[in-house]
């Protein structure tokens, strides 16, 4: 297949004809309590490598923080831009991750699979003793944080993937991924007018569905924050800053969709969500790395972000953000 090697947030995406298609072949090794794949849950053994700019990695930082896994799973943060080879640790002194001793995430992929042929993507869980990537399967990764790492959850950690709601969460997640998380990319990287038009219509049909669904309920599934809310939030928080203009998702802004805008503000103001957002790194990534879409690499100054802290009124719908649990209070490390 023909890979797009210049933007690893597209996760090895490719174009079939004029339509953007995402490569969903991941390193599917799992870290589990029983260690069935050779990697048992063990505090301090693994390092979560992310970039604050990337929406797929952002999910893992939110879930790690909500569950209180900071002491069990350390974090390495790449800079917002990269070259065709790899994400790099240019935010660290000397450009080297202090735990892995690497300049490039590519090194960890090559230790797992020499000359790894797919995109060097974040998030990635790296086995610190060997320096090899264990998995970059980001959808499974956060579910495993909820279900396999329970021994290391903080007191008061919320249930993000409650067993009784998993069927509904999975169904919502599937539509949100296909039509929204990936839908903005289908618009941005469409190779023809027809492909773009179709992607645009699908995206806004799904956003209208979400606007209607969330009009009478505070969260996507049930009365508390779940994995479904995490997955939707990371796209919504980037919508006006990046996707509306850069990816031509411009029927309207998030701020012009009253229900989704209030919902997104509610989550943003919830510990674990807004405190893991870095708008400057988000914008720098998309506008600098995507030279084909933005050849000047000029990064826009706007939009303003003060609106994210305005009252949202969503608490009138009831619900309890953390269920029987409590908000995280530990200082943010990513």
C-alpha atoms as a PDB file:
ATOM      1  CA  UNK A   1       0.000   0.000   0.000  1.00  0.00           C
ATOM      2  CA  UNK A   2       0.961   3.626  -0.480  1.00  0.00           C
ATOM      3  CA  UNK A   3       1.637   5.088   2.977  1.00  0.00           C
ATOM      4  CA  UNK A   4       1.604   8.763   3.888  1.00  0.00           C
ATOM      5  CA  UNK A   5       4.861   8.994   5.788  1.00  0.00           C
ATOM      6  CA  UNK A   6       4.815  12.656   6.739  1.00  0.00           C
ATOM      7  CA  UNK A   7       2.115  12.733   9.407  1.00  0.00           C
ATOM      8  CA  UNK A   8       2.107  10.051  12.025  1.00  0.00           C
ATOM      9  CA  UNK A   9      -1.103  11.366  13.594  1.00  0.00           C
ATOM     10  CA  UNK A  10      -2.758   9.899  10.496  1.00  0.00           C
ATOM     11  CA  UNK A  11      -1.435   6.564  11.791  1.00  0.00           C
ATOM     12  CA  UNK A  12      -0.105   5.218   8.508  1.00  0.00           C
ATOM     13  CA  UNK A  13      -3.123   6.332   6.549  1.00  0.00           C
ATOM     14  CA  UNK A  14      -3.271   5.856   2.834  1.00  0.00           C
ATOM     15  CA  UNK A  15      -5.466   6.922  -0.052  1.00  0.00           C
ATOM     16  CA  UNK A  16      -7.489   4.436  -2.068  1.00  0.00           C
ATOM     17  CA  UNK A  17      -8.376   6.336  -5.201  1.00  0.00           C
ATOM     18  CA  UNK A  18      -9.459   9.697  -3.830  1.00  0.00           C
ATOM     19  CA  UNK A  19     -10.776   8.512  -0.471  1.00  0.00           C
ATOM     20  CA  UNK A  20      -8.720   8.707   2.694  1.00  0.00           C
ATOM     21  CA  UNK A  21      -8.455   5.353   4.472  1.00  0.00           C
ATOM     22  CA  UNK A  22      -6.887   4.807   7.881  1.00  0.00           C
ATOM     23  CA  UNK A  23      -4.513   1.921   8.494  1.00  0.00           C
ATOM     24  CA  UNK A  24      -5.892   0.120  11.545  1.00  0.00           C
ATOM     25  CA  UNK A  25      -3.233  -2.587  11.688  1.00  0.00           C
ATOM     26  CA  UNK A  26      -1.595  -2.124  15.085  1.00  0.00           C
ATOM     27  CA  UNK A  27       0.964  -3.937  17.192  1.00  0.00           C
ATOM     28  CA  UNK A  28      -1.694  -5.849  19.073  1.00  0.00           C
ATOM     29  CA  UNK A  29       0.346  -7.259  21.937  1.00  0.00           C
ATOM     30  CA  UNK A  30      -1.441  -6.573  25.220  1.00  0.00           C
ATOM     31  CA  UNK A  31      -0.257  -5.904  28.750  1.00  0.00           C
ATOM     32  CA  UNK A  32      -2.552  -7.983  30.957  1.00  0.00           C
ATOM     33  CA  UNK A  33      -2.838  -9.225  34.521  1.00  0.00           C
ATOM     34  CA  UNK A  34      -2.080 -12.791  33.446  1.00  0.00           C
ATOM     35  CA  UNK A  35       0.734 -11.760  31.091  1.00  0.00           C
ATOM     36  CA  UNK A  36      -0.722 -13.991  28.359  1.00  0.00           C
ATOM     37  CA  UNK A  37       1.153 -12.087  25.637  1.00  0.00           C
ATOM     38  CA  UNK A  38       4.390 -12.088  27.628  1.00  0.00           C
ATOM     39  CA  UNK A  39       3.860  -8.666  29.187  1.00  0.00           C
ATOM     40  CA  UNK A  40       2.271  -8.755  32.652  1.00  0.00           C
ATOM     41  CA  UNK A  41       0.871  -5.691  34.395  1.00  0.00           C
ATOM     42  CA  UNK A  42       3.755  -4.387  36.483  1.00  0.00           C
ATOM     43  CA  UNK A  43       4.217  -0.953  38.003  1.00  0.00           C
ATOM     44  CA  UNK A  44       7.228   0.915  36.670  1.00  0.00           C
ATOM     45  CA  UNK A  45       7.973  -1.447  33.810  1.00  0.00           C
ATOM     46  CA  UNK A  46       6.290   0.425  30.955  1.00  0.00           C
ATOM     47  CA  UNK A  47       6.541   3.957  29.603  1.00  0.00           C
ATOM     48  CA  UNK A  48       3.642   5.599  27.783  1.00  0.00           C
ATOM     49  CA  UNK A  49       5.001   7.712  24.929  1.00  0.00           C
ATOM     50  CA  UNK A  50       2.641  10.422  23.718  1.00  0.00           C
ATOM     51  CA  UNK A  51       2.480  13.800  22.021  1.00  0.00           C
ATOM     52  CA  UNK A  52       0.179  16.457  23.420  1.00  0.00           C
ATOM     53  CA  UNK A  53      -0.775  17.413  19.875  1.00  0.00           C
ATOM     54  CA  UNK A  54      -2.115  14.010  18.834  1.00  0.00           C
ATOM     55  CA  UNK A  55      -5.800  13.218  19.487  1.00  0.00           C
ATOM     56  CA  UNK A  56      -5.187   9.455  19.625  1.00  0.00           C
ATOM     57  CA  UNK A  57      -2.449   9.898  22.233  1.00  0.00           C
ATOM     58  CA  UNK A  58      -4.534  12.436  24.112  1.00  0.00           C
ATOM     59  CA  UNK A  59      -7.042   9.702  24.960  1.00  0.00           C
ATOM     60  CA  UNK A  60      -4.370   7.766  26.821  1.00  0.00           C
ATOM     61  CA  UNK A  61      -3.208  10.765  28.845  1.00  0.00           C
ATOM     62  CA  UNK A  62      -6.780  11.524  29.931  1.00  0.00           C
ATOM     63  CA  UNK A  63      -7.535   7.933  30.961  1.00  0.00           C
ATOM     64  CA  UNK A  64      -4.187   7.539  32.735  1.00  0.00           C
ATOM     65  CA  UNK A  65      -4.906  10.682  34.734  1.00  0.00           C
ATOM     66  CA  UNK A  66      -8.543   9.866  35.523  1.00  0.00           C
ATOM     67  CA  UNK A  67      -7.572   6.415  36.801  1.00  0.00           C
ATOM     68  CA  UNK A  68      -4.518   7.646  38.687  1.00  0.00           C
ATOM     69  CA  UNK A  69      -1.981   5.459  36.898  1.00  0.00           C
ATOM     70  CA  UNK A  70       0.789   8.069  36.961  1.00  0.00           C
ATOM     71  CA  UNK A  71       2.970   6.182  39.443  1.00  0.00           C
ATOM     72  CA  UNK A  72       2.440   2.829  37.748  1.00  0.00           C
ATOM     73  CA  UNK A  73       3.010   3.980  34.145  1.00  0.00           C
ATOM     74  CA  UNK A  74       5.555   6.722  33.473  1.00  0.00           C
ATOM     75  CA  UNK A  75       5.112   9.078  30.563  1.00  0.00           C
ATOM     76  CA  UNK A  76       7.403  10.367  27.828  1.00  0.00           C
ATOM     77  CA  UNK A  77       6.282  13.354  25.788  1.00  0.00           C
ATOM     78  CA  UNK A  78       7.361  13.984  22.207  1.00  0.00           C
ATOM     79  CA  UNK A  79       7.347  17.442  20.674  1.00  0.00           C
ATOM     80  CA  UNK A  80       4.473  18.616  18.472  1.00  0.00           C
ATOM     81  CA  UNK A  81       6.318  18.239  15.159  1.00  0.00           C
ATOM     82  CA  UNK A  82       8.350  15.489  13.525  1.00  0.00           C
ATOM     83  CA  UNK A  83      10.079  14.628  10.281  1.00  0.00           C
ATOM     84  CA  UNK A  84       9.346  11.744   7.912  1.00  0.00           C
ATOM     85  CA  UNK A  85      11.166   9.275  10.151  1.00  0.00           C
ATOM     86  CA  UNK A  86       9.652   9.660  13.559  1.00  0.00           C
ATOM     87  CA  UNK A  87       8.309  11.581  16.492  1.00  0.00           C
ATOM     88  CA  UNK A  88      11.234  12.933  18.529  1.00  0.00           C
ATOM     89  CA  UNK A  89      11.887  13.764  22.184  1.00  0.00           C
ATOM     90  CA  UNK A  90      12.879  17.346  21.439  1.00  0.00           C
ATOM     91  CA  UNK A  91      11.131  18.700  24.561  1.00  0.00           C
ATOM     92  CA  UNK A  92      13.594  16.871  26.825  1.00  0.00           C
ATOM     93  CA  UNK A  93      17.072  18.194  27.716  1.00  0.00           C
ATOM     94  CA  UNK A  94      19.443  17.240  24.916  1.00  0.00           C
ATOM     95  CA  UNK A  95      16.531  15.889  22.896  1.00  0.00           C
ATOM     96  CA  UNK A  96      16.754  12.511  24.672  1.00  0.00           C
ATOM     97  CA  UNK A  97      14.019  10.775  26.655  1.00  0.00           C
ATOM     98  CA  UNK A  98      15.452  10.538  30.186  1.00  0.00           C
ATOM     99  CA  UNK A  99      14.109   7.024  30.821  1.00  0.00           C
ATOM    100  CA  UNK A 100      14.464   5.349  27.423  1.00  0.00           C
ATOM    101  CA  UNK A 101      17.681   7.141  26.444  1.00  0.00           C
ATOM    102  CA  UNK A 102      16.353   7.629  22.908  1.00  0.00           C
ATOM    103  CA  UNK A 103      16.140  10.623  20.584  1.00  0.00           C
ATOM    104  CA  UNK A 104      13.433   9.091  18.403  1.00  0.00           C
ATOM    105  CA  UNK A 105      10.452   6.894  19.097  1.00  0.00           C
ATOM    106  CA  UNK A 106      11.470   5.047  15.945  1.00  0.00           C
ATOM    107  CA  UNK A 107      14.277   3.400  17.936  1.00  0.00           C
ATOM    108  CA  UNK A 108      11.739   1.687  20.206  1.00  0.00           C
ATOM    109  CA  UNK A 109       9.723   0.470  17.216  1.00  0.00           C
ATOM    110  CA  UNK A 110      12.852  -0.943  15.578  1.00  0.00           C
ATOM    111  CA  UNK A 111      13.747  -2.785  18.784  1.00  0.00           C
ATOM    112  CA  UNK A 112      10.356  -4.446  18.605  1.00  0.00           C
ATOM    113  CA  UNK A 113      10.396  -5.057  14.838  1.00  0.00           C
ATOM    114  CA  UNK A 114      13.605  -4.267  12.907  1.00  0.00           C
ATOM    115  CA  UNK A 115      12.841  -1.798  10.105  1.00  0.00           C
ATOM    116  CA  UNK A 116       9.214  -1.577  11.254  1.00  0.00           C
ATOM    117  CA  UNK A 117       7.354  -0.877   7.986  1.00  0.00           C
ATOM    118  CA  UNK A 118       4.339   1.110   9.182  1.00  0.00           C
ATOM    119  CA  UNK A 119       3.866   4.567  10.693  1.00  0.00           C
ATOM    120  CA  UNK A 120       5.768   5.407  13.876  1.00  0.00           C
ATOM    121  CA  UNK A 121       2.718   6.385  15.885  1.00  0.00           C
ATOM    122  CA  UNK A 122       1.754   7.647  19.306  1.00  0.00           C
ATOM    123  CA  UNK A 123       0.596   6.585  21.784  1.00  0.00           C
ATOM    124  CA  UNK A 124       2.981   3.698  22.252  1.00  0.00           C
ATOM    125  CA  UNK A 125       3.648   1.644  25.355  1.00  0.00           C
ATOM    126  CA  UNK A 126       7.342   0.806  25.617  1.00  0.00           C
ATOM    127  CA  UNK A 127       8.877  -1.947  27.730  1.00  0.00           C
ATOM    128  CA  UNK A 128      11.570  -0.007  29.600  1.00  0.00           C
ATOM    129  CA  UNK A 129      14.003  -2.933  30.219  1.00  0.00           C
ATOM    130  CA  UNK A 130      14.185  -3.859  26.530  1.00  0.00           C
ATOM    131  CA  UNK A 131      13.362  -0.445  25.057  1.00  0.00           C
ATOM    132  CA  UNK A 132      10.927  -2.119  22.651  1.00  0.00           C
ATOM    133  CA  UNK A 133       7.398  -1.005  21.811  1.00  0.00           C
ATOM    134  CA  UNK A 134       4.880  -3.442  23.254  1.00  0.00           C
ATOM    135  CA  UNK A 135       1.787  -1.987  21.606  1.00  0.00           C
ATOM    136  CA  UNK A 136       0.496   1.031  19.710  1.00  0.00           C
ATOM    137  CA  UNK A 137      -3.078  -0.292  19.673  1.00  0.00           C
ATOM    138  CA  UNK A 138      -4.582   2.898  21.064  1.00  0.00           C
ATOM    139  CA  UNK A 139      -8.257   1.759  21.196  1.00  0.00           C
ATOM    140  CA  UNK A 140      -7.377  -1.336  23.239  1.00  0.00           C
ATOM    141  CA  UNK A 141      -4.764   0.470  25.308  1.00  0.00           C
ATOM    142  CA  UNK A 142      -7.184   2.662  27.224  1.00  0.00           C
ATOM    143  CA  UNK A 143      -9.657  -0.187  27.724  1.00  0.00           C
ATOM    144  CA  UNK A 144      -6.835  -2.196  29.267  1.00  0.00           C
ATOM    145  CA  UNK A 145      -5.963   0.733  31.529  1.00  0.00           C
ATOM    146  CA  UNK A 146      -9.530   0.447  32.842  1.00  0.00           C
ATOM    147  CA  UNK A 147      -9.796  -3.339  33.075  1.00  0.00           C
ATOM    148  CA  UNK A 148      -6.296  -4.822  33.453  1.00  0.00           C
ATOM    149  CA  UNK A 149      -4.575  -2.200  35.609  1.00  0.00           C
ATOM    150  CA  UNK A 150      -7.211  -2.062  38.371  1.00  0.00           C
ATOM    151  CA  UNK A 151      -4.688  -2.988  41.077  1.00  0.00           C
ATOM    152  CA  UNK A 152      -2.971   0.359  40.466  1.00  0.00           C
ATOM    153  CA  UNK A 153      -6.019   2.614  40.126  1.00  0.00           C
ATOM    154  CA  UNK A 154      -6.161   5.498  42.598  1.00  0.00           C
ATOM    155  CA  UNK A 155      -8.707   5.546  45.378  1.00  0.00           C
ATOM    156  CA  UNK A 156     -11.814   7.121  43.881  1.00  0.00           C
ATOM    157  CA  UNK A 157     -10.969   6.220  40.269  1.00  0.00           C
ATOM    158  CA  UNK A 158     -14.081   6.307  38.049  1.00  0.00           C
ATOM    159  CA  UNK A 159     -15.409   3.308  36.130  1.00  0.00           C
ATOM    160  CA  UNK A 160     -14.764   4.362  32.563  1.00  0.00           C
ATOM    161  CA  UNK A 161     -15.784   1.050  31.003  1.00  0.00           C
ATOM    162  CA  UNK A 162     -18.484  -0.391  33.273  1.00  0.00           C
ATOM    163  CA  UNK A 163     -19.403  -3.934  32.351  1.00  0.00           C
ATOM    164  CA  UNK A 164     -23.147  -3.280  32.254  1.00  0.00           C
ATOM    165  CA  UNK A 165     -22.715  -0.527  29.652  1.00  0.00           C
ATOM    166  CA  UNK A 166     -19.974  -1.996  27.477  1.00  0.00           C
ATOM    167  CA  UNK A 167     -22.271  -2.971  24.615  1.00  0.00           C
ATOM    168  CA  UNK A 168     -23.653   0.543  24.304  1.00  0.00           C
ATOM    169  CA  UNK A 169     -20.244   2.156  24.806  1.00  0.00           C
ATOM    170  CA  UNK A 170     -18.772  -0.034  22.065  1.00  0.00           C
ATOM    171  CA  UNK A 171     -21.588   0.851  19.662  1.00  0.00           C
ATOM    172  CA  UNK A 172     -21.260   4.583  20.316  1.00  0.00           C
ATOM    173  CA  UNK A 173     -17.468   4.393  20.063  1.00  0.00           C
ATOM    174  CA  UNK A 174     -17.696   2.661  16.702  1.00  0.00           C
ATOM    175  CA  UNK A 175     -19.855   5.379  15.198  1.00  0.00           C
ATOM    176  CA  UNK A 176     -17.862   8.193  16.777  1.00  0.00           C
ATOM    177  CA  UNK A 177     -14.577   6.739  15.508  1.00  0.00           C
ATOM    178  CA  UNK A 178     -15.820   6.057  11.996  1.00  0.00           C
ATOM    179  CA  UNK A 179     -17.775   9.250  11.447  1.00  0.00           C
ATOM    180  CA  UNK A 180     -16.153  11.863  13.738  1.00  0.00           C
ATOM    181  CA  UNK A 181     -12.661  10.964  15.017  1.00  0.00           C
ATOM    182  CA  UNK A 182     -11.673   9.639  11.610  1.00  0.00           C
ATOM    183  CA  UNK A 183     -14.286  11.678   9.741  1.00  0.00           C
ATOM    184  CA  UNK A 184     -12.389  14.934  10.139  1.00  0.00           C
ATOM    185  CA  UNK A 185      -9.344  13.263   8.581  1.00  0.00           C
ATOM    186  CA  UNK A 186     -11.412  11.958   5.675  1.00  0.00           C
ATOM    187  CA  UNK A 187     -12.375  15.565   4.980  1.00  0.00           C
ATOM    188  CA  UNK A 188      -8.870  16.955   5.384  1.00  0.00           C
ATOM    189  CA  UNK A 189      -7.093  14.368   3.260  1.00  0.00           C
ATOM    190  CA  UNK A 190      -9.746  13.749   0.612  1.00  0.00           C
ATOM    191  CA  UNK A 191      -8.175  13.400  -2.820  1.00  0.00           C
ATOM    192  CA  UNK A 192     -11.141  14.629  -4.863  1.00  0.00           C
ATOM    193  CA  UNK A 193     -14.122  16.928  -4.575  1.00  0.00           C
ATOM    194  CA  UNK A 194     -16.510  13.989  -4.544  1.00  0.00           C
ATOM    195  CA  UNK A 195     -14.597  12.230  -1.758  1.00  0.00           C
ATOM    196  CA  UNK A 196     -14.496  15.444   0.273  1.00  0.00           C
ATOM    197  CA  UNK A 197     -18.195  16.154  -0.224  1.00  0.00           C
ATOM    198  CA  UNK A 198     -19.124  12.643   0.907  1.00  0.00           C
ATOM    199  CA  UNK A 199     -16.828  12.834   3.936  1.00  0.00           C
ATOM    200  CA  UNK A 200     -18.157  16.269   4.888  1.00  0.00           C
ATOM    201  CA  UNK A 201     -21.773  15.097   4.753  1.00  0.00           C
ATOM    202  CA  UNK A 202     -21.013  12.008   6.849  1.00  0.00           C
ATOM    203  CA  UNK A 203     -19.178  14.057   9.471  1.00  0.00           C
ATOM    204  CA  UNK A 204     -21.928  16.607   9.981  1.00  0.00           C
ATOM    205  CA  UNK A 205     -24.649  13.969   9.924  1.00  0.00           C
ATOM    206  CA  UNK A 206     -22.855  12.356  12.873  1.00  0.00           C
ATOM    207  CA  UNK A 207     -22.346  15.661  14.675  1.00  0.00           C
ATOM    208  CA  UNK A 208     -26.056  16.414  14.290  1.00  0.00           C
ATOM    209  CA  UNK A 209     -26.813  12.979  15.757  1.00  0.00           C
ATOM    210  CA  UNK A 210     -24.554  13.740  18.726  1.00  0.00           C
ATOM    211  CA  UNK A 211     -26.143  17.164  19.166  1.00  0.00           C
ATOM    212  CA  UNK A 212     -29.541  15.472  19.407  1.00  0.00           C
ATOM    213  CA  UNK A 213     -28.338  12.614  21.637  1.00  0.00           C
ATOM    214  CA  UNK A 214     -26.688  14.944  24.143  1.00  0.00           C
ATOM    215  CA  UNK A 215     -29.565  17.419  24.340  1.00  0.00           C
ATOM    216  CA  UNK A 216     -31.276  15.422  27.088  1.00  0.00           C
ATOM    217  CA  UNK A 217     -28.360  13.586  28.722  1.00  0.00           C
ATOM    218  CA  UNK A 218     -25.143  14.934  30.178  1.00  0.00           C
ATOM    219  CA  UNK A 219     -22.836  12.167  28.966  1.00  0.00           C
ATOM    220  CA  UNK A 220     -22.800   9.886  25.957  1.00  0.00           C
ATOM    221  CA  UNK A 221     -23.607   6.649  27.803  1.00  0.00           C
ATOM    222  CA  UNK A 222     -25.139   6.455  31.259  1.00  0.00           C
ATOM    223  CA  UNK A 223     -24.925   9.068  33.979  1.00  0.00           C
ATOM    224  CA  UNK A 224     -21.151   9.281  34.342  1.00  0.00           C
ATOM    225  CA  UNK A 225     -18.085   9.928  32.206  1.00  0.00           C
ATOM    226  CA  UNK A 226     -17.065   6.845  30.266  1.00  0.00           C
ATOM    227  CA  UNK A 227     -14.544   5.859  27.630  1.00  0.00           C
ATOM    228  CA  UNK A 228     -17.024   7.140  25.038  1.00  0.00           C
ATOM    229  CA  UNK A 229     -16.764  10.717  26.325  1.00  0.00           C
ATOM    230  CA  UNK A 230     -12.974  10.564  26.318  1.00  0.00           C
ATOM    231  CA  UNK A 231     -12.910   9.486  22.678  1.00  0.00           C
ATOM    232  CA  UNK A 232     -15.291  12.182  21.496  1.00  0.00           C
ATOM    233  CA  UNK A 233     -13.685  14.974  23.528  1.00  0.00           C
ATOM    234  CA  UNK A 234     -10.261  14.733  21.885  1.00  0.00           C
ATOM    235  CA  UNK A 235     -11.801  15.528  18.496  1.00  0.00           C
ATOM    236  CA  UNK A 236     -14.147  18.231  19.754  1.00  0.00           C
ATOM    237  CA  UNK A 237     -11.397  20.114  21.574  1.00  0.00           C
ATOM    238  CA  UNK A 238      -9.410  20.331  18.316  1.00  0.00           C
ATOM    239  CA  UNK A 239     -12.359  21.187  16.110  1.00  0.00           C
ATOM    240  CA  UNK A 240     -12.297  24.985  15.942  1.00  0.00           C
ATOM    241  CA  UNK A 241      -8.527  25.277  16.357  1.00  0.00           C
ATOM    242  CA  UNK A 242      -7.681  22.856  13.536  1.00  0.00           C
ATOM    243  CA  UNK A 243     -10.402  20.842  11.845  1.00  0.00           C
ATOM    244  CA  UNK A 244     -12.796  23.669  10.959  1.00  0.00           C
ATOM    245  CA  UNK A 245     -10.297  25.514   8.771  1.00  0.00           C
ATOM    246  CA  UNK A 246      -7.295  23.269   8.189  1.00  0.00           C
ATOM    247  CA  UNK A 247      -9.396  20.198   7.352  1.00  0.00           C
ATOM    248  CA  UNK A 248     -12.252  22.166   5.717  1.00  0.00           C
ATOM    249  CA  UNK A 249     -14.844  20.918   8.217  1.00  0.00           C
ATOM    250  CA  UNK A 250     -16.523  24.271   7.993  1.00  0.00           C
ATOM    251  CA  UNK A 251     -20.301  23.914   7.883  1.00  0.00           C
ATOM    252  CA  UNK A 252     -20.114  25.460  11.315  1.00  0.00           C
ATOM    253  CA  UNK A 253     -17.753  25.763  14.260  1.00  0.00           C
ATOM    254  CA  UNK A 254     -18.107  23.775  17.445  1.00  0.00           C
ATOM    255  CA  UNK A 255     -19.020  27.050  19.145  1.00  0.00           C
ATOM    256  CA  UNK A 256     -22.009  27.267  16.780  1.00  0.00           C
ATOM    257  CA  UNK A 257     -23.411  23.880  17.863  1.00  0.00           C
ATOM    258  CA  UNK A 258     -24.954  24.797  21.219  1.00  0.00           C
ATOM    259  CA  UNK A 259     -25.330  21.328  22.727  1.00  0.00           C
ATOM    260  CA  UNK A 260     -21.936  19.969  21.673  1.00  0.00           C
ATOM    261  CA  UNK A 261     -20.235  23.230  22.650  1.00  0.00           C
ATOM    262  CA  UNK A 262     -21.755  23.103  26.146  1.00  0.00           C
ATOM    263  CA  UNK A 263     -20.916  19.369  26.435  1.00  0.00           C
ATOM    264  CA  UNK A 264     -17.310  19.988  25.382  1.00  0.00           C
ATOM    265  CA  UNK A 265     -16.962  22.851  27.880  1.00  0.00           C
ATOM    266  CA  UNK A 266     -18.385  20.650  30.628  1.00  0.00           C
ATOM    267  CA  UNK A 267     -15.699  18.047  29.964  1.00  0.00           C
ATOM    268  CA  UNK A 268     -12.961  20.646  29.491  1.00  0.00           C
ATOM    269  CA  UNK A 269     -13.713  22.022  32.954  1.00  0.00           C
ATOM    270  CA  UNK A 270     -13.619  18.521  34.468  1.00  0.00           C
ATOM    271  CA  UNK A 271     -10.226  17.556  35.970  1.00  0.00           C
ATOM    272  CA  UNK A 272      -8.423  15.180  33.640  1.00  0.00           C
ATOM    273  CA  UNK A 273      -9.702  16.768  30.429  1.00  0.00           C
ATOM    274  CA  UNK A 274      -8.910  20.461  29.975  1.00  0.00           C
ATOM    275  CA  UNK A 275      -5.795  20.205  32.124  1.00  0.00           C
ATOM    276  CA  UNK A 276      -4.297  17.811  29.555  1.00  0.00           C
ATOM    277  CA  UNK A 277      -4.951  20.120  26.561  1.00  0.00           C
ATOM    278  CA  UNK A 278      -2.207  22.214  24.941  1.00  0.00           C
ATOM    279  CA  UNK A 279      -3.733  24.301  22.164  1.00  0.00           C
ATOM    280  CA  UNK A 280      -0.420  25.738  20.995  1.00  0.00           C
ATOM    281  CA  UNK A 281       1.116  22.305  20.485  1.00  0.00           C
ATOM    282  CA  UNK A 282      -2.044  21.106  18.766  1.00  0.00           C
ATOM    283  CA  UNK A 283      -1.970  23.954  16.254  1.00  0.00           C
ATOM    284  CA  UNK A 284       1.778  23.726  15.698  1.00  0.00           C
ATOM    285  CA  UNK A 285       1.534  20.047  14.863  1.00  0.00           C
ATOM    286  CA  UNK A 286      -1.181  20.247  12.252  1.00  0.00           C
ATOM    287  CA  UNK A 287      -0.162  23.497  10.568  1.00  0.00           C
ATOM    288  CA  UNK A 288       3.578  22.744  10.479  1.00  0.00           C
ATOM    289  CA  UNK A 289       3.623  19.008   9.748  1.00  0.00           C
ATOM    290  CA  UNK A 290       0.940  19.015   7.046  1.00  0.00           C
ATOM    291  CA  UNK A 291       2.982  20.884   4.446  1.00  0.00           C
ATOM    292  CA  UNK A 292       0.782  19.513   1.663  1.00  0.00           C
ATOM    293  CA  UNK A 293      -2.236  21.260   3.217  1.00  0.00           C
ATOM    294  CA  UNK A 294      -0.372  24.301   4.557  1.00  0.00           C
ATOM    295  CA  UNK A 295       2.811  24.833   2.519  1.00  0.00           C
ATOM    296  CA  UNK A 296       3.676  28.117   4.271  1.00  0.00           C
ATOM    297  CA  UNK A 297       3.620  26.353   7.669  1.00  0.00           C
ATOM    298  CA  UNK A 298       2.140  29.525   9.172  1.00  0.00           C
ATOM    299  CA  UNK A 299       0.409  28.717  12.462  1.00  0.00           C
ATOM    300  CA  UNK A 300      -2.747  30.777  13.142  1.00  0.00           C
ATOM    301  CA  UNK A 301      -2.845  32.896  16.286  1.00  0.00           C
ATOM    302  CA  UNK A 302      -6.510  32.135  16.982  1.00  0.00           C
ATOM    303  CA  UNK A 303      -9.039  31.137  17.917  1.00  0.00           C
ATOM    304  CA  UNK A 304      -9.189  32.466  21.447  1.00  0.00           C
ATOM    305  CA  UNK A 305      -9.560  29.880  24.204  1.00  0.00           C
ATOM    306  CA  UNK A 306     -11.209  31.844  27.017  1.00  0.00           C
ATOM    307  CA  UNK A 307     -14.647  30.568  25.993  1.00  0.00           C
ATOM    308  CA  UNK A 308     -13.724  27.092  27.205  1.00  0.00           C
ATOM    309  CA  UNK A 309     -13.989  28.338  30.782  1.00  0.00           C
ATOM    310  CA  UNK A 310     -17.428  29.951  30.493  1.00  0.00           C
ATOM    311  CA  UNK A 311     -20.463  28.421  32.266  1.00  0.00           C
ATOM    312  CA  UNK A 312     -21.961  25.434  30.429  1.00  0.00           C
ATOM    313  CA  UNK A 313     -25.134  24.665  32.382  1.00  0.00           C
ATOM    314  CA  UNK A 314     -24.839  20.931  31.734  1.00  0.00           C
ATOM    315  CA  UNK A 315     -25.060  20.053  35.434  1.00  0.00           C
ATOM    316  CA  UNK A 316     -28.793  20.812  35.187  1.00  0.00           C
ATOM    317  CA  UNK A 317     -29.112  17.507  33.304  1.00  0.00           C
ATOM    318  CA  UNK A 318     -27.963  15.612  36.387  1.00  0.00           C
ATOM    319  CA  UNK A 319     -25.372  12.893  36.252  1.00  0.00           C
ATOM    320  CA  UNK A 320     -22.226  12.505  38.322  1.00  0.00           C
ATOM    321  CA  UNK A 321     -18.964  13.016  36.433  1.00  0.00           C
ATOM    322  CA  UNK A 322     -17.013  10.406  38.430  1.00  0.00           C
ATOM    323  CA  UNK A 323     -19.912   8.249  39.631  1.00  0.00           C
ATOM    324  CA  UNK A 324     -19.081   7.025  43.103  1.00  0.00           C
ATOM    325  CA  UNK A 325     -15.517   8.179  42.658  1.00  0.00           C
ATOM    326  CA  UNK A 326     -13.726  11.491  42.902  1.00  0.00           C
ATOM    327  CA  UNK A 327     -11.835  13.890  40.667  1.00  0.00           C
ATOM    328  CA  UNK A 328      -8.088  13.448  40.225  1.00  0.00           C
ATOM    329  CA  UNK A 329      -6.052  15.889  42.287  1.00  0.00           C
ATOM    330  CA  UNK A 330      -2.492  14.906  41.410  1.00  0.00           C
ATOM    331  CA  UNK A 331      -0.579  17.625  39.476  1.00  0.00           C
ATOM    332  CA  UNK A 332      -0.583  17.071  35.728  1.00  0.00           C
ATOM    333  CA  UNK A 333       2.651  15.676  34.270  1.00  0.00           C
ATOM    334  CA  UNK A 334       1.481  15.631  30.651  1.00  0.00           C
END
